[in-house]
């Protein structure tokens, strides 16, 4: 694993994200790897945990969308470490490197525009 960290394009120990060659590696929790050549869109999703209308915790996920169902599901999520409100700001260098290494991947969430009728 040290070899991967040393040769990785991007490593964020605080959030638990590694870009190595064409793969996203998330060693947090269960070790997960995703071939980014199959990805079409990547975005950050924050889930607020509420109790009695009050936010009591947050968890963060990187969501990867793909139309290549032979590789994985259309939507794959990776739990990353949430460090509070700064999590999205801390992800910006990751998204920048991702956009440079994989210019075809769309970044950010976009609601689908389905007609009402």
PDB file of N, CA and C in Angstrom:
ATOM      1  N   UNK A   1       0.828  -1.202   0.000  1.00  0.00           N
ATOM      2  CA  UNK A   1       0.000   0.000   0.000  1.00  0.00           C
ATOM      3  C   UNK A   1       0.868   1.259   0.000  1.00  0.00           C
ATOM      4  N   UNK A   2       2.035   1.196   0.636  1.00  0.00           N
ATOM      5  CA  UNK A   2       2.926   2.362   0.639  1.00  0.00           C
ATOM      6  C   UNK A   2       3.368   2.737  -0.768  1.00  0.00           C
ATOM      7  N   UNK A   3       3.574   1.744  -1.617  1.00  0.00           N
ATOM      8  CA  UNK A   3       3.968   2.002  -3.003  1.00  0.00           C
ATOM      9  C   UNK A   3       2.887   2.786  -3.727  1.00  0.00           C
ATOM     10  N   UNK A   4       1.639   2.429  -3.495  1.00  0.00           N
ATOM     11  CA  UNK A   4       0.522   3.139  -4.129  1.00  0.00           C
ATOM     12  C   UNK A   4       0.486   4.586  -3.657  1.00  0.00           C
ATOM     13  N   UNK A   5       0.629   4.803  -2.342  1.00  0.00           N
ATOM     14  CA  UNK A   5       0.611   6.169  -1.816  1.00  0.00           C
ATOM     15  C   UNK A   5       1.773   6.991  -2.367  1.00  0.00           C
ATOM     16  N   UNK A   6       2.937   6.385  -2.506  1.00  0.00           N
ATOM     17  CA  UNK A   6       4.114   7.107  -3.000  1.00  0.00           C
ATOM     18  C   UNK A   6       4.016   7.448  -4.481  1.00  0.00           C
ATOM     19  N   UNK A   7       3.365   6.610  -5.265  1.00  0.00           N
ATOM     20  CA  UNK A   7       3.274   6.826  -6.709  1.00  0.00           C
ATOM     21  C   UNK A   7       1.932   7.411  -7.145  1.00  0.00           C
ATOM     22  N   UNK A   8       1.076   7.729  -6.211  1.00  0.00           N
ATOM     23  CA  UNK A   8      -0.264   8.228  -6.536  1.00  0.00           C
ATOM     24  C   UNK A   8      -0.211   9.642  -7.111  1.00  0.00           C
ATOM     25  N   UNK A   9      -1.161   9.936  -7.977  1.00  0.00           N
ATOM     26  CA  UNK A   9      -1.312  11.275  -8.541  1.00  0.00           C
ATOM     27  C   UNK A   9      -1.823  12.241  -7.479  1.00  0.00           C
ATOM     28  N   UNK A  10      -2.706  11.750  -6.612  1.00  0.00           N
ATOM     29  CA  UNK A  10      -3.317  12.590  -5.580  1.00  0.00           C
ATOM     30  C   UNK A  10      -3.587  11.743  -4.344  1.00  0.00           C
ATOM     31  N   UNK A  11      -3.224  12.272  -3.169  1.00  0.00           N
ATOM     32  CA  UNK A  11      -3.499  11.599  -1.897  1.00  0.00           C
ATOM     33  C   UNK A  11      -4.034  12.635  -0.924  1.00  0.00           C
ATOM     34  N   UNK A  12      -5.173  12.342  -0.315  1.00  0.00           N
ATOM     35  CA  UNK A  12      -5.722  13.182   0.751  1.00  0.00           C
ATOM     36  C   UNK A  12      -5.971  12.285   1.952  1.00  0.00           C
ATOM     37  N   UNK A  13      -5.044  12.328   2.901  1.00  0.00           N
ATOM     38  CA  UNK A  13      -5.167  11.490   4.094  1.00  0.00           C
ATOM     39  C   UNK A  13      -6.295  11.947   5.003  1.00  0.00           C
ATOM     40  N   UNK A  14      -6.606  13.235   4.969  1.00  0.00           N
ATOM     41  CA  UNK A  14      -7.659  13.758   5.838  1.00  0.00           C
ATOM     42  C   UNK A  14      -9.035  13.226   5.439  1.00  0.00           C
ATOM     43  N   UNK A  15      -9.292  13.140   4.137  1.00  0.00           N
ATOM     44  CA  UNK A  15     -10.587  12.653   3.654  1.00  0.00           C
ATOM     45  C   UNK A  15     -10.558  11.178   3.283  1.00  0.00           C
ATOM     46  N   UNK A  16      -9.382  10.630   3.084  1.00  0.00           N
ATOM     47  CA  UNK A  16      -9.259   9.218   2.733  1.00  0.00           C
ATOM     48  C   UNK A  16      -9.502   8.953   1.261  1.00  0.00           C
ATOM     49  N   UNK A  17      -8.834   9.735   0.386  1.00  0.00           N
ATOM     50  CA  UNK A  17      -9.008   9.605  -1.061  1.00  0.00           C
ATOM     51  C   UNK A  17      -7.637   9.470  -1.715  1.00  0.00           C
ATOM     52  N   UNK A  18      -7.524   8.535  -2.649  1.00  0.00           N
ATOM     53  CA  UNK A  18      -6.275   8.343  -3.389  1.00  0.00           C
ATOM     54  C   UNK A  18      -6.610   8.177  -4.874  1.00  0.00           C
ATOM     55  N   UNK A  19      -5.900   8.915  -5.736  1.00  0.00           N
ATOM     56  CA  UNK A  19      -5.973   8.707  -7.181  1.00  0.00           C
ATOM     57  C   UNK A  19      -4.672   8.044  -7.599  1.00  0.00           C
ATOM     58  N   UNK A  20      -4.775   6.829  -8.098  1.00  0.00           N
ATOM     59  CA  UNK A  20      -3.597   6.081  -8.532  1.00  0.00           C
ATOM     60  C   UNK A  20      -3.838   5.575  -9.942  1.00  0.00           C
ATOM     61  N   UNK A  21      -3.035   6.063 -10.869  1.00  0.00           N
ATOM     62  CA  UNK A  21      -3.188   5.750 -12.289  1.00  0.00           C
ATOM     63  C   UNK A  21      -4.621   6.067 -12.720  1.00  0.00           C
ATOM     64  N   UNK A  22      -5.413   5.094 -13.114  1.00  0.00           N
ATOM     65  CA  UNK A  22      -6.786   5.342 -13.568  1.00  0.00           C
ATOM     66  C   UNK A  22      -7.823   4.989 -12.513  1.00  0.00           C
ATOM     67  N   UNK A  23      -7.415   4.898 -11.266  1.00  0.00           N
ATOM     68  CA  UNK A  23      -8.314   4.379 -10.240  1.00  0.00           C
ATOM     69  C   UNK A  23      -8.487   5.335  -9.066  1.00  0.00           C
ATOM     70  N   UNK A  24      -9.707   5.383  -8.573  1.00  0.00           N
ATOM     71  CA  UNK A  24     -10.008   6.047  -7.314  1.00  0.00           C
ATOM     72  C   UNK A  24      -9.964   4.974  -6.239  1.00  0.00           C
ATOM     73  N   UNK A  25      -9.183   5.219  -5.201  1.00  0.00           N
ATOM     74  CA  UNK A  25      -9.064   4.273  -4.092  1.00  0.00           C
ATOM     75  C   UNK A  25      -9.527   4.978  -2.830  1.00  0.00           C
ATOM     76  N   UNK A  26     -10.453   4.335  -2.114  1.00  0.00           N
ATOM     77  CA  UNK A  26     -10.947   4.857  -0.845  1.00  0.00           C
ATOM     78  C   UNK A  26     -10.691   3.786   0.208  1.00  0.00           C
ATOM     79  N   UNK A  27      -9.597   3.924   0.967  1.00  0.00           N
ATOM     80  CA  UNK A  27      -9.259   2.897   1.955  1.00  0.00           C
ATOM     81  C   UNK A  27     -10.067   3.004   3.248  1.00  0.00           C
ATOM     82  N   UNK A  28     -10.900   4.032   3.388  1.00  0.00           N
ATOM     83  CA  UNK A  28     -11.698   4.220   4.594  1.00  0.00           C
ATOM     84  C   UNK A  28     -12.770   3.144   4.694  1.00  0.00           C
ATOM     85  N   UNK A  29     -12.912   2.543   5.855  1.00  0.00           N
ATOM     86  CA  UNK A  29     -13.902   1.474   6.040  1.00  0.00           C
ATOM     87  C   UNK A  29     -13.501   0.256   5.247  1.00  0.00           C
ATOM     88  N   UNK A  30     -14.357  -0.161   4.336  1.00  0.00           N
ATOM     89  CA  UNK A  30     -13.998  -1.275   3.459  1.00  0.00           C
ATOM     90  C   UNK A  30     -13.215  -0.701   2.277  1.00  0.00           C
ATOM     91  N   UNK A  31     -12.117  -1.309   1.956  1.00  0.00           N
ATOM     92  CA  UNK A  31     -11.224  -0.861   0.886  1.00  0.00           C
ATOM     93  C   UNK A  31     -11.962  -0.934  -0.448  1.00  0.00           C
ATOM     94  N   UNK A  32     -12.122   0.215  -1.136  1.00  0.00           N
ATOM     95  CA  UNK A  32     -12.849   0.241  -2.404  1.00  0.00           C
ATOM     96  C   UNK A  32     -11.986   0.853  -3.496  1.00  0.00           C
ATOM     97  N   UNK A  33     -12.137   0.306  -4.701  1.00  0.00           N
ATOM     98  CA  UNK A  33     -11.403   0.784  -5.870  1.00  0.00           C
ATOM     99  C   UNK A  33     -12.400   0.950  -7.019  1.00  0.00           C
ATOM    100  N   UNK A  34     -12.243   2.023  -7.797  1.00  0.00           N
ATOM    101  CA  UNK A  34     -13.116   2.256  -8.944  1.00  0.00           C
ATOM    102  C   UNK A  34     -12.264   2.678 -10.134  1.00  0.00           C
ATOM    103  N   UNK A  35     -12.484   2.053 -11.274  1.00  0.00           N
ATOM    104  CA  UNK A  35     -11.795   2.403 -12.512  1.00  0.00           C
ATOM    105  C   UNK A  35     -12.460   3.656 -13.087  1.00  0.00           C
ATOM    106  N   UNK A  36     -11.771   4.776 -13.008  1.00  0.00           N
ATOM    107  CA  UNK A  36     -12.355   6.050 -13.421  1.00  0.00           C
ATOM    108  C   UNK A  36     -12.534   6.178 -14.929  1.00  0.00           C
ATOM    109  N   UNK A  37     -11.970   5.284 -15.715  1.00  0.00           N
ATOM    110  CA  UNK A  37     -12.208   5.301 -17.158  1.00  0.00           C
ATOM    111  C   UNK A  37     -13.659   4.951 -17.470  1.00  0.00           C
ATOM    112  N   UNK A  38     -14.362   4.346 -16.520  1.00  0.00           N
ATOM    113  CA  UNK A  38     -15.771   3.975 -16.706  1.00  0.00           C
ATOM    114  C   UNK A  38     -16.729   5.066 -16.216  1.00  0.00           C
ATOM    115  N   UNK A  39     -16.204   6.062 -15.504  1.00  0.00           N
ATOM    116  CA  UNK A  39     -17.052   7.090 -14.892  1.00  0.00           C
ATOM    117  C   UNK A  39     -17.478   8.149 -15.899  1.00  0.00           C
ATOM    118  N   UNK A  40     -18.699   8.648 -15.725  1.00  0.00           N
ATOM    119  CA  UNK A  40     -19.199   9.752 -16.542  1.00  0.00           C
ATOM    120  C   UNK A  40     -19.375  11.024 -15.723  1.00  0.00           C
ATOM    121  N   UNK A  41     -19.703  10.864 -14.448  1.00  0.00           N
ATOM    122  CA  UNK A  41     -19.914  12.014 -13.563  1.00  0.00           C
ATOM    123  C   UNK A  41     -19.483  11.643 -12.149  1.00  0.00           C
ATOM    124  N   UNK A  42     -18.908  12.627 -11.442  1.00  0.00           N
ATOM    125  CA  UNK A  42     -18.518  12.445 -10.043  1.00  0.00           C
ATOM    126  C   UNK A  42     -19.005  13.664  -9.276  1.00  0.00           C
ATOM    127  N   UNK A  43     -19.624  13.426  -8.119  1.00  0.00           N
ATOM    128  CA  UNK A  43     -20.034  14.544  -7.273  1.00  0.00           C
ATOM    129  C   UNK A  43     -19.995  14.154  -5.804  1.00  0.00           C
ATOM    130  N   UNK A  44     -20.001  15.186  -4.963  1.00  0.00           N
ATOM    131  CA  UNK A  44     -19.973  15.023  -3.512  1.00  0.00           C
ATOM    132  C   UNK A  44     -21.403  15.119  -2.988  1.00  0.00           C
ATOM    133  N   UNK A  45     -21.776  14.173  -2.149  1.00  0.00           N
ATOM    134  CA  UNK A  45     -23.118  14.147  -1.565  1.00  0.00           C
ATOM    135  C   UNK A  45     -22.987  14.174  -0.050  1.00  0.00           C
ATOM    136  N   UNK A  46     -23.696  15.092   0.589  1.00  0.00           N
ATOM    137  CA  UNK A  46     -23.684  15.199   2.048  1.00  0.00           C
ATOM    138  C   UNK A  46     -25.038  14.755   2.568  1.00  0.00           C
ATOM    139  N   UNK A  47     -25.024  13.817   3.490  1.00  0.00           N
ATOM    140  CA  UNK A  47     -26.245  13.331   4.118  1.00  0.00           C
ATOM    141  C   UNK A  47     -26.287  13.871   5.540  1.00  0.00           C
ATOM    142  N   UNK A  48     -27.323  14.661   5.840  1.00  0.00           N
ATOM    143  CA  UNK A  48     -27.498  15.202   7.187  1.00  0.00           C
ATOM    144  C   UNK A  48     -28.352  14.248   7.998  1.00  0.00           C
ATOM    145  N   UNK A  49     -27.862  13.872   9.150  1.00  0.00           N
ATOM    146  CA  UNK A  49     -28.609  13.007  10.059  1.00  0.00           C
ATOM    147  C   UNK A  49     -29.318  13.908  11.068  1.00  0.00           C
ATOM    148  N   UNK A  50     -30.647  13.784  11.112  1.00  0.00           N
ATOM    149  CA  UNK A  50     -31.430  14.680  11.966  1.00  0.00           C
ATOM    150  C   UNK A  50     -32.162  13.914  13.059  1.00  0.00           C
ATOM    151  N   UNK A  51     -32.339  14.608  14.151  1.00  0.00           N
ATOM    152  CA  UNK A  51     -33.136  14.105  15.261  1.00  0.00           C
ATOM    153  C   UNK A  51     -33.943  15.280  15.792  1.00  0.00           C
ATOM    154  N   UNK A  52     -35.252  15.150  15.752  1.00  0.00           N
ATOM    155  CA  UNK A  52     -36.147  16.217  16.201  1.00  0.00           C
ATOM    156  C   UNK A  52     -35.839  17.536  15.491  1.00  0.00           C
ATOM    157  N   UNK A  53     -35.748  17.478  14.159  1.00  0.00           N
ATOM    158  CA  UNK A  53     -35.532  18.642  13.302  1.00  0.00           C
ATOM    159  C   UNK A  53     -34.161  19.297  13.475  1.00  0.00           C
ATOM    160  N   UNK A  54     -33.264  18.692  14.230  1.00  0.00           N
ATOM    161  CA  UNK A  54     -31.943  19.252  14.456  1.00  0.00           C
ATOM    162  C   UNK A  54     -30.894  18.323  13.859  1.00  0.00           C
ATOM    163  N   UNK A  55     -29.939  18.894  13.130  1.00  0.00           N
ATOM    164  CA  UNK A  55     -28.869  18.084  12.551  1.00  0.00           C
ATOM    165  C   UNK A  55     -27.940  17.624  13.663  1.00  0.00           C
ATOM    166  N   UNK A  56     -27.779  16.316  13.764  1.00  0.00           N
ATOM    167  CA  UNK A  56     -26.926  15.747  14.814  1.00  0.00           C
ATOM    168  C   UNK A  56     -25.652  15.124  14.242  1.00  0.00           C
ATOM    169  N   UNK A  57     -25.554  15.065  12.933  1.00  0.00           N
ATOM    170  CA  UNK A  57     -24.360  14.505  12.305  1.00  0.00           C
ATOM    171  C   UNK A  57     -24.440  14.592  10.795  1.00  0.00           C
ATOM    172  N   UNK A  58     -23.291  14.452  10.171  1.00  0.00           N
ATOM    173  CA  UNK A  58     -23.214  14.481   8.710  1.00  0.00           C
ATOM    174  C   UNK A  58     -22.303  13.365   8.241  1.00  0.00           C
ATOM    175  N   UNK A  59     -22.622  12.834   7.078  1.00  0.00           N
ATOM    176  CA  UNK A  59     -21.715  11.891   6.432  1.00  0.00           C
ATOM    177  C   UNK A  59     -21.566  12.315   4.979  1.00  0.00           C
ATOM    178  N   UNK A  60     -20.401  12.051   4.423  1.00  0.00           N
ATOM    179  CA  UNK A  60     -20.103  12.445   3.047  1.00  0.00           C
ATOM    180  C   UNK A  60     -19.858  11.228   2.182  1.00  0.00           C
ATOM    181  N   UNK A  61     -20.238  11.363   0.919  1.00  0.00           N
ATOM    182  CA  UNK A  61     -20.005  10.299  -0.054  1.00  0.00           C
ATOM    183  C   UNK A  61     -19.564  10.922  -1.370  1.00  0.00           C
ATOM    184  N   UNK A  62     -18.691  10.216  -2.066  1.00  0.00           N
ATOM    185  CA  UNK A  62     -18.417  10.539  -3.458  1.00  0.00           C
ATOM    186  C   UNK A  62     -19.298   9.619  -4.278  1.00  0.00           C
ATOM    187  N   UNK A  63     -20.100  10.180  -5.144  1.00  0.00           N
ATOM    188  CA  UNK A  63     -20.995   9.404  -5.995  1.00  0.00           C
ATOM    189  C   UNK A  63     -20.414   9.396  -7.408  1.00  0.00           C
ATOM    190  N   UNK A  64     -20.338   8.206  -7.989  1.00  0.00           N
ATOM    191  CA  UNK A  64     -19.841   8.058  -9.352  1.00  0.00           C
ATOM    192  C   UNK A  64     -20.953   7.460 -10.201  1.00  0.00           C
ATOM    193  N   UNK A  65     -21.281   8.146 -11.293  1.00  0.00           N
ATOM    194  CA  UNK A  65     -22.304   7.671 -12.219  1.00  0.00           C
ATOM    195  C   UNK A  65     -21.639   7.151 -13.487  1.00  0.00           C
ATOM    196  N   UNK A  66     -22.185   6.058 -14.003  1.00  0.00           N
ATOM    197  CA  UNK A  66     -21.659   5.445 -15.217  1.00  0.00           C
ATOM    198  C   UNK A  66     -22.791   4.759 -15.960  1.00  0.00           C
ATOM    199  N   UNK A  67     -22.686   4.703 -17.277  1.00  0.00           N
ATOM    200  CA  UNK A  67     -23.657   3.945 -18.070  1.00  0.00           C
ATOM    201  C   UNK A  67     -23.154   2.552 -18.389  1.00  0.00           C
ATOM    202  N   UNK A  68     -21.929   2.248 -17.987  1.00  0.00           N
ATOM    203  CA  UNK A  68     -21.334   0.937 -18.245  1.00  0.00           C
ATOM    204  C   UNK A  68     -21.767  -0.028 -17.141  1.00  0.00           C
ATOM    205  N   UNK A  69     -22.916  -0.662 -17.328  1.00  0.00           N
ATOM    206  CA  UNK A  69     -23.446  -1.572 -16.309  1.00  0.00           C
ATOM    207  C   UNK A  69     -22.681  -2.885 -16.259  1.00  0.00           C
ATOM    208  N   UNK A  70     -21.854  -3.156 -17.260  1.00  0.00           N
ATOM    209  CA  UNK A  70     -21.060  -4.383 -17.227  1.00  0.00           C
ATOM    210  C   UNK A  70     -19.954  -4.284 -16.179  1.00  0.00           C
ATOM    211  N   UNK A  71     -19.560  -3.059 -15.831  1.00  0.00           N
ATOM    212  CA  UNK A  71     -18.502  -2.877 -14.834  1.00  0.00           C
ATOM    213  C   UNK A  71     -19.070  -2.866 -13.421  1.00  0.00           C
ATOM    214  N   UNK A  72     -19.994  -1.990 -13.178  1.00  0.00           N
ATOM    215  CA  UNK A  72     -20.639  -1.866 -11.870  1.00  0.00           C
ATOM    216  C   UNK A  72     -22.037  -1.320 -12.090  1.00  0.00           C
ATOM    217  N   UNK A  73     -22.691  -1.019 -10.966  1.00  0.00           N
ATOM    218  CA  UNK A  73     -24.010  -0.400 -11.069  1.00  0.00           C
ATOM    219  C   UNK A  73     -23.883   0.987 -11.701  1.00  0.00           C
ATOM    220  N   UNK A  74     -25.010   1.525 -12.108  1.00  0.00           N
ATOM    221  CA  UNK A  74     -25.012   2.857 -12.703  1.00  0.00           C
ATOM    222  C   UNK A  74     -24.528   3.903 -11.701  1.00  0.00           C
ATOM    223  N   UNK A  75     -24.866   3.706 -10.430  1.00  0.00           N
ATOM    224  CA  UNK A  75     -24.498   4.666  -9.392  1.00  0.00           C
ATOM    225  C   UNK A  75     -23.717   3.930  -8.307  1.00  0.00           C
ATOM    226  N   UNK A  76     -22.499   4.384  -8.045  1.00  0.00           N
ATOM    227  CA  UNK A  76     -21.654   3.770  -7.025  1.00  0.00           C
ATOM    228  C   UNK A  76     -21.270   4.844  -6.023  1.00  0.00           C
ATOM    229  N   UNK A  77     -21.389   4.546  -4.737  1.00  0.00           N
ATOM    230  CA  UNK A  77     -21.042   5.537  -3.717  1.00  0.00           C
ATOM    231  C   UNK A  77     -19.868   5.051  -2.879  1.00  0.00           C
ATOM    232  N   UNK A  78     -19.042   6.010  -2.499  1.00  0.00           N
ATOM    233  CA  UNK A  78     -17.881   5.761  -1.658  1.00  0.00           C
ATOM    234  C   UNK A  78     -17.972   6.672  -0.449  1.00  0.00           C
ATOM    235  N   UNK A  79     -18.032   6.100   0.729  1.00  0.00           N
ATOM    236  CA  UNK A  79     -18.066   6.897   1.952  1.00  0.00           C
ATOM    237  C   UNK A  79     -16.674   7.467   2.177  1.00  0.00           C
ATOM    238  N   UNK A  80     -16.618   8.784   2.372  1.00  0.00           N
ATOM    239  CA  UNK A  80     -15.356   9.441   2.695  1.00  0.00           C
ATOM    240  C   UNK A  80     -15.511  10.116   4.048  1.00  0.00           C
ATOM    241  N   UNK A  81     -14.410  10.520   4.609  1.00  0.00           N
ATOM    242  CA  UNK A  81     -14.437  11.143   5.929  1.00  0.00           C
ATOM    243  C   UNK A  81     -15.044  12.539   5.829  1.00  0.00           C
ATOM    244  N   UNK A  82     -15.999  12.841   6.687  1.00  0.00           N
ATOM    245  CA  UNK A  82     -16.604  14.166   6.743  1.00  0.00           C
ATOM    246  C   UNK A  82     -15.919  14.937   7.859  1.00  0.00           C
ATOM    247  N   UNK A  83     -15.372  16.099   7.526  1.00  0.00           N
ATOM    248  CA  UNK A  83     -14.690  16.918   8.525  1.00  0.00           C
ATOM    249  C   UNK A  83     -15.458  18.213   8.784  1.00  0.00           C
ATOM    250  N   UNK A  84     -16.763  18.153   8.624  1.00  0.00           N
ATOM    251  CA  UNK A  84     -17.603  19.312   8.883  1.00  0.00           C
ATOM    252  C   UNK A  84     -17.876  20.102   7.618  1.00  0.00           C
ATOM    253  N   UNK A  85     -18.134  21.378   7.808  1.00  0.00           N
ATOM    254  CA  UNK A  85     -18.521  22.229   6.683  1.00  0.00           C
ATOM    255  C   UNK A  85     -17.386  22.442   5.685  1.00  0.00           C
ATOM    256  N   UNK A  86     -16.148  22.160   6.097  1.00  0.00           N
ATOM    257  CA  UNK A  86     -15.007  22.348   5.205  1.00  0.00           C
ATOM    258  C   UNK A  86     -14.816  21.191   4.232  1.00  0.00           C
ATOM    259  N   UNK A  87     -15.576  20.123   4.368  1.00  0.00           N
ATOM    260  CA  UNK A  87     -15.368  18.939   3.534  1.00  0.00           C
ATOM    261  C   UNK A  87     -15.437  19.280   2.053  1.00  0.00           C
ATOM    262  N   UNK A  88     -16.423  20.057   1.652  1.00  0.00           N
ATOM    263  CA  UNK A  88     -16.561  20.405   0.237  1.00  0.00           C
ATOM    264  C   UNK A  88     -15.368  21.237  -0.237  1.00  0.00           C
ATOM    265  N   UNK A  89     -14.897  22.155   0.604  1.00  0.00           N
ATOM    266  CA  UNK A  89     -13.724  22.955   0.240  1.00  0.00           C
ATOM    267  C   UNK A  89     -12.481  22.086   0.119  1.00  0.00           C
ATOM    268  N   UNK A  90     -12.337  21.106   1.003  1.00  0.00           N
ATOM    269  CA  UNK A  90     -11.181  20.212   0.959  1.00  0.00           C
ATOM    270  C   UNK A  90     -11.205  19.304  -0.266  1.00  0.00           C
ATOM    271  N   UNK A  91     -12.377  19.075  -0.842  1.00  0.00           N
ATOM    272  CA  UNK A  91     -12.492  18.239  -2.037  1.00  0.00           C
ATOM    273  C   UNK A  91     -12.132  18.978  -3.329  1.00  0.00           C
ATOM    274  N   UNK A  92     -12.058  20.295  -3.294  1.00  0.00           N
ATOM    275  CA  UNK A  92     -11.805  21.055  -4.523  1.00  0.00           C
ATOM    276  C   UNK A  92     -10.476  20.703  -5.195  1.00  0.00           C
ATOM    277  N   UNK A  93      -9.362  20.521  -4.448  1.00  0.00           N
ATOM    278  CA  UNK A  93      -8.126  20.075  -5.121  1.00  0.00           C
ATOM    279  C   UNK A  93      -8.286  18.704  -5.782  1.00  0.00           C
ATOM    280  N   UNK A  94      -9.045  17.808  -5.157  1.00  0.00           N
ATOM    281  CA  UNK A  94      -9.309  16.493  -5.746  1.00  0.00           C
ATOM    282  C   UNK A  94     -10.070  16.650  -7.062  1.00  0.00           C
ATOM    283  N   UNK A  95     -11.105  17.476  -7.062  1.00  0.00           N
ATOM    284  CA  UNK A  95     -11.887  17.686  -8.280  1.00  0.00           C
ATOM    285  C   UNK A  95     -11.037  18.349  -9.374  1.00  0.00           C
ATOM    286  N   UNK A  96     -10.126  19.233  -8.980  1.00  0.00           N
ATOM    287  CA  UNK A  96      -9.247  19.867  -9.966  1.00  0.00           C
ATOM    288  C   UNK A  96      -8.339  18.827 -10.624  1.00  0.00           C
ATOM    289  N   UNK A  97      -7.693  17.988  -9.819  1.00  0.00           N
ATOM    290  CA  UNK A  97      -6.818  16.942 -10.357  1.00  0.00           C
ATOM    291  C   UNK A  97      -7.628  15.983 -11.224  1.00  0.00           C
ATOM    292  N   UNK A  98      -8.828  15.640 -10.772  1.00  0.00           N
ATOM    293  CA  UNK A  98      -9.697  14.745 -11.540  1.00  0.00           C
ATOM    294  C   UNK A  98     -10.033  15.353 -12.906  1.00  0.00           C
ATOM    295  N   UNK A  99     -10.317  16.653 -12.928  1.00  0.00           N
ATOM    296  CA  UNK A  99     -10.647  17.316 -14.199  1.00  0.00           C
ATOM    297  C   UNK A  99      -9.441  17.377 -15.135  1.00  0.00           C
ATOM    298  N   UNK A 100      -8.239  17.453 -14.577  1.00  0.00           N
ATOM    299  CA  UNK A 100      -7.032  17.476 -15.403  1.00  0.00           C
ATOM    300  C   UNK A 100      -6.691  16.094 -15.950  1.00  0.00           C
ATOM    301  N   UNK A 101      -6.834  15.079 -15.115  1.00  0.00           N
ATOM    302  CA  UNK A 101      -6.485  13.709 -15.507  1.00  0.00           C
ATOM    303  C   UNK A 101      -7.564  13.053 -16.378  1.00  0.00           C
ATOM    304  N   UNK A 102      -8.830  13.413 -16.113  1.00  0.00           N
ATOM    305  CA  UNK A 102      -9.966  12.811 -16.823  1.00  0.00           C
ATOM    306  C   UNK A 102     -10.900  13.922 -17.308  1.00  0.00           C
ATOM    307  N   UNK A 103     -10.558  14.603 -18.392  1.00  0.00           N
ATOM    308  CA  UNK A 103     -11.369  15.742 -18.843  1.00  0.00           C
ATOM    309  C   UNK A 103     -12.779  15.362 -19.298  1.00  0.00           C
ATOM    310  N   UNK A 104     -13.022  14.099 -19.606  1.00  0.00           N
ATOM    311  CA  UNK A 104     -14.357  13.682 -20.051  1.00  0.00           C
ATOM    312  C   UNK A 104     -15.341  13.492 -18.899  1.00  0.00           C
ATOM    313  N   UNK A 105     -14.842  13.387 -17.680  1.00  0.00           N
ATOM    314  CA  UNK A 105     -15.728  13.194 -16.525  1.00  0.00           C
ATOM    315  C   UNK A 105     -16.362  14.530 -16.153  1.00  0.00           C
ATOM    316  N   UNK A 106     -17.681  14.529 -16.026  1.00  0.00           N
ATOM    317  CA  UNK A 106     -18.397  15.720 -15.583  1.00  0.00           C
ATOM    318  C   UNK A 106     -18.343  15.763 -14.059  1.00  0.00           C
ATOM    319  N   UNK A 107     -18.171  16.961 -13.532  1.00  0.00           N
ATOM    320  CA  UNK A 107     -18.083  17.131 -12.087  1.00  0.00           C
ATOM    321  C   UNK A 107     -19.297  17.883 -11.575  1.00  0.00           C
ATOM    322  N   UNK A 108     -19.802  17.466 -10.421  1.00  0.00           N
ATOM    323  CA  UNK A 108     -20.937  18.128  -9.804  1.00  0.00           C
ATOM    324  C   UNK A 108     -22.246  17.428 -10.099  1.00  0.00           C
ATOM    325  N   UNK A 109     -23.243  17.745  -9.290  1.00  0.00           N
ATOM    326  CA  UNK A 109     -24.567  17.145  -9.410  1.00  0.00           C
ATOM    327  C   UNK A 109     -25.412  17.985 -10.347  1.00  0.00           C
ATOM    328  N   UNK A 110     -26.199  17.323 -11.168  1.00  0.00           N
ATOM    329  CA  UNK A 110     -27.117  18.021 -12.060  1.00  0.00           C
ATOM    330  C   UNK A 110     -28.452  17.296 -12.033  1.00  0.00           C
ATOM    331  N   UNK A 111     -29.496  18.032 -11.680  1.00  0.00           N
ATOM    332  CA  UNK A 111     -30.828  17.422 -11.680  1.00  0.00           C
ATOM    333  C   UNK A 111     -31.237  17.112 -13.105  1.00  0.00           C
ATOM    334  N   UNK A 112     -31.861  15.948 -13.276  1.00  0.00           N
ATOM    335  CA  UNK A 112     -32.336  15.603 -14.618  1.00  0.00           C
ATOM    336  C   UNK A 112     -33.560  16.455 -14.935  1.00  0.00           C
ATOM    337  N   UNK A 113     -33.618  16.907 -16.154  1.00  0.00           N
ATOM    338  CA  UNK A 113     -34.713  17.783 -16.571  1.00  0.00           C
ATOM    339  C   UNK A 113     -35.730  16.963 -17.337  1.00  0.00           C
ATOM    340  N   UNK A 114     -36.585  16.286 -16.610  1.00  0.00           N
ATOM    341  CA  UNK A 114     -37.628  15.479 -17.238  1.00  0.00           C
ATOM    342  C   UNK A 114     -38.870  16.343 -17.440  1.00  0.00           C
ATOM    343  N   UNK A 115     -39.526  16.206 -18.565  1.00  0.00           N
ATOM    344  CA  UNK A 115     -40.749  16.986 -18.774  1.00  0.00           C
ATOM    345  C   UNK A 115     -41.845  16.558 -17.789  1.00  0.00           C
ATOM    346  N   UNK A 116     -42.648  17.521 -17.375  1.00  0.00           N
ATOM    347  CA  UNK A 116     -43.724  17.231 -16.429  1.00  0.00           C
ATOM    348  C   UNK A 116     -44.820  16.394 -17.058  1.00  0.00           C
ATOM    349  N   UNK A 117     -45.035  16.533 -18.362  1.00  0.00           N
ATOM    350  CA  UNK A 117     -46.111  15.797 -19.025  1.00  0.00           C
ATOM    351  C   UNK A 117     -45.576  14.953 -20.137  1.00  0.00           C
TER     352      UNK A 117
END
